[in-house]
Protein backbone atom coordinates (compact mmCIF):
# COMPACT_ATOMS: atom_id res chain seq x y z
CA MET A 1 -15.98 -10.84 2.68
CA GLN A 2 -17.25 -11.49 6.17
CA THR A 3 -19.99 -9.03 7.12
CA PHE A 4 -19.06 -6.85 10.06
CA GLU A 5 -21.39 -4.79 12.21
CA ALA A 6 -19.62 -1.64 11.05
CA GLN A 7 -20.50 -2.54 7.48
CA GLU A 8 -24.17 -2.70 8.24
CA GLN A 9 -24.42 0.50 10.24
CA ILE A 10 -25.34 2.49 7.14
CA SER A 11 -26.77 5.83 8.10
CA HIS A 12 -30.47 6.15 7.39
CA THR A 13 -30.63 9.81 8.34
CA SER A 14 -31.62 12.33 5.71
CA THR A 15 -28.34 14.21 6.15
CA LYS A 16 -25.56 12.98 3.89
CA SER A 17 -22.11 14.37 3.24
CA TYR A 18 -22.89 14.69 -0.47
CA SER A 19 -25.67 15.11 -2.98
CA LEU A 20 -25.93 12.79 -5.97
CA ASN A 21 -26.32 15.79 -8.24
CA ASP A 22 -23.02 17.27 -7.05
CA TRP A 23 -21.21 13.95 -7.48
CA GLN A 24 -22.57 13.54 -11.00
CA GLY A 25 -20.87 16.80 -12.05
CA GLY A 26 -17.52 15.02 -12.18
CA TYR A 27 -18.83 12.68 -14.87
CA LYS A 28 -18.94 15.08 -17.79
CA SER A 29 -16.62 14.97 -20.80
CA LEU A 30 -13.75 17.45 -20.96
CA LYS A 31 -13.28 17.93 -24.69
CA GLN A 32 -10.94 20.91 -24.60
CA GLU A 33 -7.16 20.51 -24.27
CA PHE A 34 -5.42 23.11 -22.07
CA ASP A 35 -1.87 24.38 -21.61
CA TYR A 36 -1.31 27.07 -18.94
CA TRP A 37 0.48 28.10 -15.75
CA ILE A 38 -1.75 27.76 -12.68
CA ASP A 39 -2.07 31.20 -11.10
CA ASP A 40 -5.17 30.79 -8.90
CA ILE A 41 -3.61 29.28 -5.77
CA GLU A 42 -4.58 29.19 -2.10
CA GLY A 43 -1.54 28.73 0.11
CA GLN A 44 1.95 28.21 -1.25
CA ILE A 45 3.52 25.42 -3.30
CA PRO A 46 6.52 24.04 -1.36
CA PRO A 47 9.65 25.30 -3.20
CA GLU A 48 11.35 21.91 -2.79
CA LEU A 49 8.46 20.12 -4.53
CA ASN A 50 9.84 19.73 -8.05
CA GLY A 51 8.68 17.15 -10.57
CA THR A 52 5.65 16.07 -12.52
CA LEU A 53 2.37 14.45 -11.53
CA PHE A 54 0.81 12.52 -14.41
CA ARG A 55 -2.82 11.41 -14.20
CA ASN A 56 -4.89 9.22 -16.53
CA GLY A 57 -8.59 8.54 -16.80
CA PRO A 58 -11.58 8.62 -19.14
CA GLY A 59 -11.83 12.14 -20.52
CA LEU A 60 -14.75 11.44 -22.86
CA LEU A 61 -18.01 10.12 -21.43
CA ASP A 62 -19.74 10.51 -24.79
CA ILE A 63 -18.93 10.51 -28.50
CA ASN A 64 -20.62 13.46 -30.17
CA GLY A 65 -23.46 13.28 -27.65
CA GLN A 66 -23.80 9.49 -27.72
CA PRO A 67 -23.16 8.42 -24.09
CA ILE A 68 -20.93 5.51 -23.20
CA HIS A 69 -22.40 2.91 -20.86
CA HIS A 70 -19.64 2.95 -18.25
CA PRO A 71 -16.79 5.38 -17.52
CA PHE A 72 -14.23 2.56 -17.81
CA ASP A 73 -15.07 2.57 -21.55
CA GLY A 74 -14.06 6.24 -21.98
CA ASP A 75 -11.08 7.40 -24.06
CA GLY A 76 -7.94 8.07 -22.06
CA MET A 77 -6.99 11.67 -21.27
CA ILE A 78 -3.66 12.52 -19.67
CA SER A 79 -3.35 15.40 -17.21
CA ARG A 80 0.15 16.68 -16.44
CA ILE A 81 0.83 18.94 -13.46
CA THR A 82 4.46 20.07 -13.38
CA PHE A 83 5.93 21.65 -10.24
CA SER A 84 8.99 23.85 -10.67
CA ASN A 85 10.49 26.41 -8.28
CA GLY A 86 7.25 27.11 -6.44
CA ARG A 87 5.09 27.29 -9.58
CA ALA A 88 2.85 24.77 -11.32
CA HIS A 89 1.91 24.20 -14.95
CA PHE A 90 -1.08 22.25 -16.27
CA ARG A 91 -1.52 20.47 -19.57
CA ASN A 92 -4.00 17.83 -20.72
CA ARG A 93 -4.29 15.88 -23.93
CA PHE A 94 -6.16 12.86 -25.20
CA VAL A 95 -4.20 9.77 -26.15
CA ARG A 96 -4.53 9.61 -29.96
CA THR A 97 -5.25 5.90 -30.18
CA ALA A 98 -6.38 4.52 -33.53
CA GLY A 99 -9.92 4.08 -32.18
CA TYR A 100 -10.07 7.62 -30.75
CA LEU A 101 -9.06 9.14 -34.08
CA GLU A 102 -11.54 6.98 -36.02
CA GLU A 103 -14.48 7.84 -33.77
CA GLN A 104 -13.65 11.54 -33.67
CA LYS A 105 -13.52 11.60 -37.46
CA ALA A 106 -16.78 9.65 -37.79
CA GLY A 107 -18.53 11.57 -35.00
CA LYS A 108 -20.09 8.43 -33.58
CA LEU A 109 -19.42 5.23 -31.68
CA LEU A 110 -17.63 2.64 -33.81
CA TYR A 111 -16.49 0.21 -31.12
CA ARG A 112 -18.04 -1.85 -28.37
CA GLY A 113 -16.72 -1.27 -24.87
CA VAL A 114 -15.64 -3.92 -22.39
CA PHE A 115 -18.06 -2.56 -19.76
CA GLY A 116 -21.21 -2.47 -21.85
CA THR A 117 -20.92 0.35 -24.38
CA GLN A 118 -22.53 -0.86 -27.63
CA LYS A 119 -22.44 0.48 -31.15
CA PRO A 120 -25.74 1.99 -32.38
CA GLY A 121 -28.04 -0.46 -34.11
CA GLY A 122 -28.93 -2.91 -31.35
CA TRP A 123 -27.68 -6.44 -30.91
CA LEU A 124 -27.56 -7.14 -34.64
CA ALA A 125 -24.95 -4.40 -35.12
CA ASN A 126 -22.86 -5.79 -32.25
CA ALA A 127 -23.17 -9.55 -32.64
CA PHE A 128 -19.90 -11.38 -33.35
CA ASP A 129 -17.93 -8.13 -33.24
CA PHE A 130 -14.98 -8.86 -30.94
CA LYS A 131 -12.80 -5.93 -31.94
CA LEU A 132 -12.13 -3.75 -28.90
CA LYS A 133 -10.67 -0.26 -28.85
CA ASN A 134 -7.41 0.21 -26.96
CA ILE A 135 -8.56 3.21 -24.92
CA ALA A 136 -5.28 3.80 -22.98
CA ASN A 137 -7.26 5.22 -20.04
CA THR A 138 -6.14 3.48 -16.85
CA ASN A 139 -2.65 4.54 -15.78
CA ILE A 140 0.34 6.61 -16.87
CA ILE A 141 3.97 5.89 -15.91
CA TYR A 142 7.36 7.43 -16.67
CA TRP A 143 9.98 4.69 -16.81
CA GLY A 144 13.16 4.19 -18.81
CA ASN A 145 12.86 7.76 -20.13
CA LYS A 146 9.52 6.86 -21.71
CA LEU A 147 6.04 8.12 -20.83
CA LEU A 148 3.56 5.26 -21.26
CA ALA A 149 -0.25 5.35 -21.15
CA LEU A 150 -1.53 1.96 -20.00
CA TRP A 151 -4.70 -0.04 -20.54
CA GLU A 152 -4.53 -3.58 -19.20
CA ALA A 153 -6.02 -5.37 -22.21
CA ALA A 154 -3.40 -4.30 -24.78
CA GLU A 155 0.02 -2.77 -25.37
CA PRO A 156 1.00 0.68 -24.01
CA HIS A 157 0.98 3.94 -25.96
CA ARG A 158 4.13 6.05 -25.78
CA LEU A 159 3.73 9.82 -25.34
CA ASP A 160 6.01 12.85 -25.43
CA PRO A 161 6.31 13.94 -21.76
CA TYR A 162 6.54 17.62 -22.73
CA THR A 163 3.73 17.93 -25.29
CA LEU A 164 1.76 14.74 -24.42
CA GLU A 165 1.74 13.99 -28.15
CA THR A 166 1.02 10.33 -28.93
CA LEU A 167 4.14 8.79 -30.50
CA GLY A 168 2.82 5.26 -31.14
CA LYS A 169 2.57 1.91 -29.42
CA GLU A 170 5.37 0.53 -27.27
CA TYR A 171 6.56 -3.07 -27.78
CA PHE A 172 9.77 -2.99 -25.70
CA ASN A 173 12.09 -3.90 -28.56
CA GLY A 174 9.83 -6.68 -29.78
CA VAL A 175 9.34 -8.45 -26.45
CA LEU A 176 5.63 -7.61 -26.61
CA SER A 177 3.70 -8.77 -29.67
CA GLU A 178 0.95 -6.73 -31.29
CA GLY A 179 -2.13 -6.71 -29.09
CA GLU A 180 -0.37 -8.45 -26.19
CA ALA A 181 -1.57 -7.18 -22.84
CA PHE A 182 0.63 -5.20 -20.46
CA SER A 183 -1.23 -4.49 -17.23
CA ALA A 184 -2.12 -0.98 -16.09
CA HIS A 185 -0.89 -1.74 -12.54
CA PRO A 186 2.90 -2.08 -12.56
CA ARG A 187 4.79 -2.08 -9.29
CA PHE A 188 8.10 -0.29 -8.82
CA ASP A 189 10.63 -2.29 -6.80
CA PRO A 190 12.92 0.34 -5.26
CA SER A 191 15.80 -2.10 -4.75
CA CYS A 192 15.73 -5.38 -6.68
CA GLU A 193 17.77 -8.15 -5.07
CA PHE A 194 18.36 -9.78 -8.48
CA ASP A 195 19.89 -6.65 -10.04
CA ASP A 196 22.49 -5.40 -7.56
CA SER A 197 19.81 -3.51 -5.61
CA LYS A 198 18.88 -1.33 -8.59
CA PRO A 199 15.24 -0.31 -9.04
CA CYS A 200 13.09 -2.28 -11.46
CA LEU A 201 9.54 -2.26 -12.73
CA VAL A 202 7.41 -5.39 -12.29
CA ASN A 203 4.24 -5.92 -14.29
CA PHE A 204 1.98 -8.70 -15.53
CA SER A 205 -0.60 -9.68 -18.08
CA ILE A 206 -3.31 -12.31 -17.98
CA LYS A 207 -4.85 -14.29 -20.78
CA PRO A 208 -8.11 -15.69 -19.39
CA GLY A 209 -9.99 -18.78 -20.52
CA LEU A 210 -10.85 -22.17 -19.02
CA SER A 211 -7.38 -21.76 -17.56
CA THR A 212 -5.62 -18.40 -17.20
CA THR A 213 -2.05 -17.65 -18.23
CA PHE A 214 -0.16 -15.17 -16.05
CA THR A 215 2.90 -13.56 -17.64
CA ILE A 216 5.35 -11.67 -15.42
CA PHE A 217 7.51 -8.88 -16.88
CA GLU A 218 10.43 -7.15 -15.15
CA LEU A 219 12.08 -4.05 -16.66
CA ASP A 220 15.38 -2.43 -15.71
CA THR A 221 15.83 1.32 -15.37
CA THR A 222 16.51 1.69 -19.11
CA GLY A 223 13.08 0.21 -19.89
CA ARG A 224 14.50 -3.10 -21.16
CA ILE A 225 12.57 -6.26 -20.26
CA ILE A 226 15.09 -8.42 -18.41
CA ARG A 227 12.80 -11.16 -17.10
CA LYS A 228 9.65 -12.67 -18.57
CA HIS A 229 7.97 -15.94 -17.59
CA ALA A 230 4.47 -17.37 -17.93
CA HIS A 231 2.39 -19.65 -15.69
CA SER A 232 -0.98 -21.34 -16.20
CA VAL A 233 -3.57 -21.42 -13.42
CA PRO A 234 -6.90 -23.30 -13.57
CA GLY A 235 -10.09 -21.26 -14.04
CA PHE A 236 -11.18 -17.90 -15.45
CA ALA A 237 -9.43 -14.96 -13.76
CA PHE A 238 -10.60 -11.34 -13.60
CA ILE A 239 -7.70 -9.44 -12.02
CA HIS A 240 -6.91 -5.73 -12.08
CA ASP A 241 -4.01 -5.37 -9.65
CA PHE A 242 -1.30 -7.35 -7.88
CA ALA A 243 1.40 -6.83 -5.25
CA ILE A 244 5.07 -7.68 -5.03
CA THR A 245 7.66 -8.56 -2.41
CA PRO A 246 11.38 -8.99 -3.13
CA ASN A 247 10.73 -12.63 -4.11
CA TYR A 248 7.08 -12.97 -5.12
CA CYS A 249 4.19 -11.63 -7.15
CA ILE A 250 0.82 -12.03 -5.40
CA PHE A 251 -2.57 -12.10 -7.14
CA PHE A 252 -6.07 -12.42 -5.69
CA HIS A 253 -8.08 -14.68 -8.00
CA ASN A 254 -11.60 -13.40 -7.35
CA PRO A 255 -14.41 -15.99 -7.50
CA VAL A 256 -16.17 -15.06 -10.73
CA THR A 257 -17.51 -16.82 -13.81
CA PHE A 258 -17.74 -15.57 -17.37
CA ASN A 259 -20.62 -16.48 -19.70
CA PRO A 260 -19.55 -15.33 -23.19
CA ILE A 261 -22.86 -16.04 -24.98
CA PRO A 262 -24.56 -12.62 -24.38
CA PHE A 263 -21.34 -10.90 -25.46
CA VAL A 264 -20.99 -13.02 -28.60
CA LEU A 265 -24.61 -12.36 -29.54
CA GLY A 266 -24.16 -8.60 -29.19
CA MET A 267 -26.51 -8.28 -26.21
CA ARG A 268 -24.00 -7.34 -23.51
CA GLY A 269 -20.47 -6.10 -23.04
CA ALA A 270 -17.85 -8.58 -21.84
CA GLY A 271 -17.73 -6.98 -18.39
CA GLU A 272 -21.49 -7.46 -18.01
CA CYS A 273 -21.05 -11.21 -18.50
CA ILE A 274 -18.91 -11.60 -15.37
CA LYS A 275 -20.80 -12.87 -12.34
CA PHE A 276 -19.57 -13.05 -8.76
CA GLN A 277 -19.78 -16.42 -7.00
CA PRO A 278 -20.28 -15.70 -3.28
CA ASN A 279 -20.15 -19.37 -2.29
CA GLN A 280 -16.72 -19.90 -3.82
CA PRO A 281 -13.45 -19.03 -2.05
CA THR A 282 -11.06 -16.33 -3.16
CA ARG A 283 -7.80 -17.90 -4.27
CA VAL A 284 -4.44 -16.29 -3.60
CA ILE A 285 -1.86 -17.02 -6.31
CA ILE A 286 1.80 -16.66 -5.35
CA ILE A 287 4.32 -16.70 -8.20
CA PRO A 288 8.11 -16.53 -7.67
CA ARG A 289 9.62 -13.49 -9.37
CA ARG A 290 12.79 -15.30 -10.40
CA ILE A 291 12.99 -18.91 -11.55
CA LEU A 292 16.46 -20.13 -12.57
CA PRO A 293 17.07 -23.50 -14.28
CA GLN A 294 18.33 -24.95 -10.99
CA ASP A 295 15.15 -23.72 -9.28
CA ARG A 296 12.69 -25.82 -11.26
CA ARG A 297 11.19 -27.02 -7.99
CA LYS A 298 9.92 -23.50 -7.41
CA LYS A 299 6.32 -23.41 -8.45
CA VAL A 300 3.15 -21.41 -8.23
CA GLN A 301 1.40 -21.73 -4.87
CA ILE A 302 -2.36 -21.32 -4.51
CA LEU A 303 -3.97 -20.65 -1.13
CA GLU A 304 -7.64 -20.09 -0.34
CA THR A 305 -9.49 -17.59 1.83
CA GLN A 306 -13.10 -16.49 2.33
CA SER A 307 -15.06 -15.19 -0.62
CA GLY A 308 -14.52 -11.55 -1.51
CA PHE A 309 -13.49 -9.24 -4.34
CA VAL A 310 -10.30 -7.19 -4.60
CA PHE A 311 -9.59 -4.43 -7.12
CA HIS A 312 -6.55 -2.83 -5.46
CA HIS A 313 -3.74 -3.78 -3.12
CA ALA A 314 -1.86 -1.34 -0.93
CA ASN A 315 1.37 -3.28 -0.40
CA ALA A 316 2.88 -6.63 0.54
CA PHE A 317 6.01 -7.72 2.39
CA GLU A 318 7.70 -10.87 3.66
CA GLN A 319 7.99 -11.69 7.35
CA GLY A 320 9.46 -15.07 8.23
CA ASN A 321 7.37 -17.79 6.59
CA GLU A 322 4.57 -15.34 5.85
CA ILE A 323 3.67 -12.87 3.18
CA ILE A 324 1.59 -10.02 4.60
CA ILE A 325 -0.59 -8.11 2.15
CA ASP A 326 -2.90 -5.14 2.73
CA SER A 327 -5.79 -4.91 0.27
CA ILE A 328 -9.05 -3.08 -0.36
CA CYS A 329 -11.74 -5.76 -0.27
CA TYR A 330 -15.42 -5.86 -1.14
CA GLU A 331 -17.97 -8.35 0.05
CA SER A 332 -18.89 -8.95 -3.60
CA LEU A 333 -18.21 -7.57 -7.07
CA PRO A 334 -20.24 -4.43 -7.86
CA GLU A 335 -21.59 -5.82 -11.14
CA VAL A 336 -22.31 -3.70 -14.22
CA GLU A 337 -25.95 -4.16 -15.17
CA PRO A 338 -27.31 -3.75 -18.72
CA GLU A 339 -29.50 -0.68 -19.25
CA SER A 340 -28.19 0.82 -16.00
CA ASP A 341 -26.94 4.39 -15.62
CA PHE A 342 -23.72 4.69 -13.63
CA ARG A 343 -24.63 8.30 -12.78
CA GLN A 344 -27.60 6.98 -10.77
CA THR A 345 -25.52 4.78 -8.46
CA ASP A 346 -27.35 3.95 -5.23
CA PHE A 347 -24.44 4.04 -2.82
CA ASP A 348 -26.57 2.95 0.13
CA ALA A 349 -27.41 -0.30 -1.67
CA LEU A 350 -23.76 -1.28 -2.12
CA LYS A 351 -21.25 -2.59 0.39
CA PRO A 352 -18.14 -0.45 0.87
CA GLY A 353 -14.57 -1.34 0.07
CA GLN A 354 -12.55 -1.72 3.26
CA LEU A 355 -8.88 -2.26 4.15
CA TRP A 356 -7.95 -5.80 5.20
CA ARG A 357 -4.65 -7.42 6.11
CA PHE A 358 -3.98 -10.99 4.96
CA HIS A 359 -1.30 -13.25 6.44
CA LEU A 360 -0.24 -15.88 3.90
CA ASN A 361 1.67 -18.70 5.58
CA LEU A 362 3.67 -20.41 2.85
CA GLN A 363 4.82 -23.23 5.10
CA GLN A 364 1.42 -24.18 6.49
CA GLN A 365 -0.46 -23.14 3.31
CA THR A 366 -2.97 -21.12 5.32
CA VAL A 367 -4.50 -17.64 5.17
CA ARG A 368 -5.69 -15.59 8.10
CA ARG A 369 -7.00 -12.07 7.91
CA ASN A 370 -8.13 -9.10 9.96
CA LEU A 371 -9.95 -5.86 9.24
CA LEU A 372 -7.66 -2.82 9.43
CA GLU A 373 -10.10 -0.08 8.44
CA SER A 374 -13.91 -0.30 8.27
CA ARG A 375 -14.39 3.14 6.68
CA CYS A 376 -15.27 3.03 2.98
CA CYS A 377 -11.98 3.55 1.15
CA GLU A 378 -10.15 3.00 -2.14
CA PHE A 379 -6.95 3.86 -4.06
CA PRO A 380 -4.28 3.15 -1.39
CA THR A 381 -0.75 4.56 -1.72
CA LEU A 382 2.45 4.68 0.35
CA HIS A 383 6.04 5.86 0.33
CA PRO A 384 7.63 4.58 -2.92
CA GLN A 385 10.67 3.20 -1.06
CA LYS A 386 8.33 0.94 0.96
CA VAL A 387 6.93 -0.99 -2.01
CA GLY A 388 7.40 -4.69 -1.21
CA ARG A 389 8.73 -3.82 2.24
CA SER A 390 7.21 -3.43 5.69
CA HIS A 391 5.36 -0.12 5.89
CA ARG A 392 3.96 2.01 8.67
CA TYR A 393 1.80 4.56 6.84
CA LEU A 394 -0.88 4.27 4.19
CA TYR A 395 -2.73 7.09 2.43
CA ILE A 396 -6.14 6.26 0.98
CA GLY A 397 -9.09 7.97 -0.67
CA ALA A 398 -12.01 7.66 1.75
CA ALA A 399 -15.65 8.46 2.43
CA HIS A 400 -16.43 11.40 4.69
CA ALA A 401 -18.56 9.32 7.10
CA PRO A 402 -16.96 6.57 9.23
CA SER A 403 -19.50 3.92 8.18
CA GLY A 404 -21.60 3.02 5.21
CA ASN A 405 -20.89 3.39 1.51
CA ALA A 406 -20.49 6.74 -0.24
CA PRO A 407 -18.40 8.51 -2.87
CA LEU A 408 -14.81 9.28 -1.93
CA GLN A 409 -14.69 12.80 -0.48
CA ALA A 410 -11.73 12.62 1.84
CA PHE A 411 -8.18 11.39 2.29
CA LEU A 412 -7.27 9.11 5.19
CA LYS A 413 -3.82 8.63 6.71
CA ILE A 414 -3.43 5.36 8.61
CA ASP A 415 -0.62 4.77 11.10
CA LEU A 416 -0.41 0.98 11.31
CA GLU A 417 2.00 1.15 14.25
CA SER A 418 0.13 3.50 16.60
CA GLY A 419 -3.37 2.97 15.17
CA GLU A 420 -3.85 6.73 14.71
CA ARG A 421 -6.15 7.91 11.93
CA GLN A 422 -6.06 11.35 10.33
CA LEU A 423 -8.76 12.49 7.91
CA TRP A 424 -8.95 15.52 5.66
CA SER A 425 -12.35 15.90 4.02
CA ALA A 426 -13.49 18.00 1.06
CA ALA A 427 -17.18 17.38 1.85
CA PRO A 428 -19.85 18.42 1.15
CA LYS A 429 -19.00 19.78 -2.32
CA GLY A 430 -15.62 18.11 -2.91
CA PHE A 431 -14.99 14.64 -4.38
CA ALA A 432 -11.66 12.87 -4.06
CA SER A 433 -9.46 10.75 -6.31
CA GLU A 434 -6.39 8.56 -5.95
CA PRO A 435 -3.76 10.18 -3.68
CA VAL A 436 -0.06 10.04 -4.58
CA PHE A 437 2.61 10.30 -1.87
CA VAL A 438 5.75 12.24 -2.83
CA PRO A 439 8.68 12.07 -0.38
CA ARG A 440 10.38 15.31 0.61
CA PRO A 441 13.94 15.32 -0.84
CA HIS A 442 16.47 13.83 1.61
CA SER A 443 13.74 13.07 4.17
CA GLN A 444 14.36 10.43 6.82
CA ARG A 445 10.82 9.86 8.08
CA GLU A 446 8.42 7.62 6.19
CA ASP A 447 5.62 10.21 6.27
CA ASP A 448 7.79 13.25 5.54
CA GLY A 449 6.45 14.40 2.19
CA TRP A 450 3.33 15.52 0.41
CA VAL A 451 0.14 13.87 -0.73
CA LEU A 452 -0.99 15.14 -4.14
CA ALA A 453 -4.47 14.58 -5.50
CA LEU A 454 -7.18 15.98 -7.74
CA VAL A 455 -10.41 17.06 -6.05
CA TYR A 456 -13.56 17.91 -8.01
CA ASP A 457 -15.29 20.97 -6.51
CA ALA A 458 -18.99 20.81 -7.38
CA SER A 459 -19.61 24.34 -6.12
CA ARG A 460 -17.41 25.73 -8.90
CA ASP A 461 -17.69 22.82 -11.38
CA ARG A 462 -13.91 22.82 -11.47
CA SER A 463 -11.10 20.67 -10.13
CA ASP A 464 -8.32 21.50 -7.70
CA VAL A 465 -4.85 20.06 -7.27
CA VAL A 466 -4.56 19.60 -3.51
CA ILE A 467 -1.21 19.40 -1.70
CA LEU A 468 -1.49 17.88 1.79
CA ASP A 469 1.27 17.58 4.38
CA GLY A 470 2.00 13.85 4.65
CA ARG A 471 2.83 14.30 8.34
CA ASN A 472 -0.40 15.98 9.36
CA PHE A 473 -3.84 15.63 7.76
CA ASN A 474 -5.44 17.42 10.71
CA GLN A 475 -4.82 20.77 9.10
CA GLU A 476 -5.77 22.57 5.92
CA PRO A 477 -3.89 21.72 2.71
CA ILE A 478 -0.52 23.36 2.17
CA ALA A 479 -1.91 24.57 -1.14
CA ARG A 480 -4.98 24.28 -3.34
CA LEU A 481 -4.33 24.92 -7.01
CA HIS A 482 -7.57 25.95 -8.72
CA LEU A 483 -7.78 24.78 -12.32
CA LYS A 484 -9.78 26.66 -14.96
CA HIS A 485 -12.04 23.66 -15.63
CA HIS A 486 -13.05 20.30 -14.24
CA ILE A 487 -11.23 17.03 -14.86
CA PRO A 488 -13.52 13.97 -15.13
CA TYR A 489 -13.00 11.44 -12.34
CA GLY A 490 -9.81 9.58 -13.23
CA LEU A 491 -8.17 6.31 -12.36
CA HIS A 492 -4.43 6.16 -11.73
CA GLY A 493 -1.28 8.23 -12.00
CA ASN A 494 2.31 8.60 -10.87
CA PHE A 495 4.83 11.24 -9.88
CA THR A 496 8.34 11.58 -11.29
CA PRO A 497 11.03 14.02 -10.09
CA GLU A 498 11.62 14.93 -13.74
CA VAL A 499 10.36 18.40 -14.67
CA PHE A 500 8.50 18.65 -17.98
CA VAL A 501 7.35 22.11 -19.10
């Protein structure tokens, strides 16, 4: 992305809001599985907050003492926090994938990881081994009365929402084939125009190569796939997330190349073979969500903007001839280097992710953009009824300091109408995760609800479930639920009003 002065004003003072040693504490395996009511609470759980927060992320950072190379290669562990009548219950359990069970039985690494984890024995033991473990570690959703653990490179695993027992893989009545990808970043359309304004789930998969095939899936509230269509786009695509509007799916095709030779020869993981191309533009791919036989003229549109890298989008909406999309953008891809140690990340050497707004003019085929938030931030969320619609408020994990790059230690509320910013920080000993906004029942205001998140407390080597008032971050949390243990830094999760205890 374009370099801004705010990006380069990285503090060179000796005082930081964190210590690397404290941050590293959140990257330890949690091998025990718990099941208990949370009794150590500061504040009070709102009595009208009823439902279940599911979280997913790598729970194992080693196999019997053998470290994995990158946390994204870690086996998926589900955390379930259930709120019921002013109380909260915690349970966690590993997803019993075939690979997890095999490695636990063997007591050693048996699979290569996408992000550089190699089997013992050097390159000879890894050469020409293309079998990857479905680690089910990226997201967890409850849809169509099914709890699904997602990993974007393969099919979902279905779990029991009460016990978190792994029930098997989910193929949606044969619509998915074995091994077919189903992304870990679905979007929930609160009112689909094609289905009598009923909610639907929209997801995608990509099959990269010299050209990349995008497949769009749409599921009704029973979990049945009601629309599926595929489109081919030139070039190799490395895409983690997308956004929707009532009529479109929007993807940012980051400018990267993939050299498979080191992976084939067992020298590197596939993710280590991806290289960012700063001199190439980022392409924006716009795919219609519904294509009827009489609409054959509808086609994929591809626009171009300045080079940059996007992992996550906040939201998108249509306004006249434009699609407006808010996204967390990086100046370049933070590449995974061989022989590196992710626990030794030099944050000062990396550019921060920042919030940008893109205006995609479909009539003029142009893109213009502006910086919304220069503070280092990631994991944006918003009111679930605003997905694909114009929104006023965003809630984002953020750095404590207003400039420079650093671990997430705070939560930022952005009012896009007034420009007001509210920040609640857990620094210096607290480290933040993805926030989830939960509307208050029968609320009328967009920010009337709670923001739920896990915070790792290095001073206690434990994690807290934090409940913030969505209307006011300038005050202490409504409640902090102290867990009996830490939870390794996770990735994504979702809230459902269903109560599972």
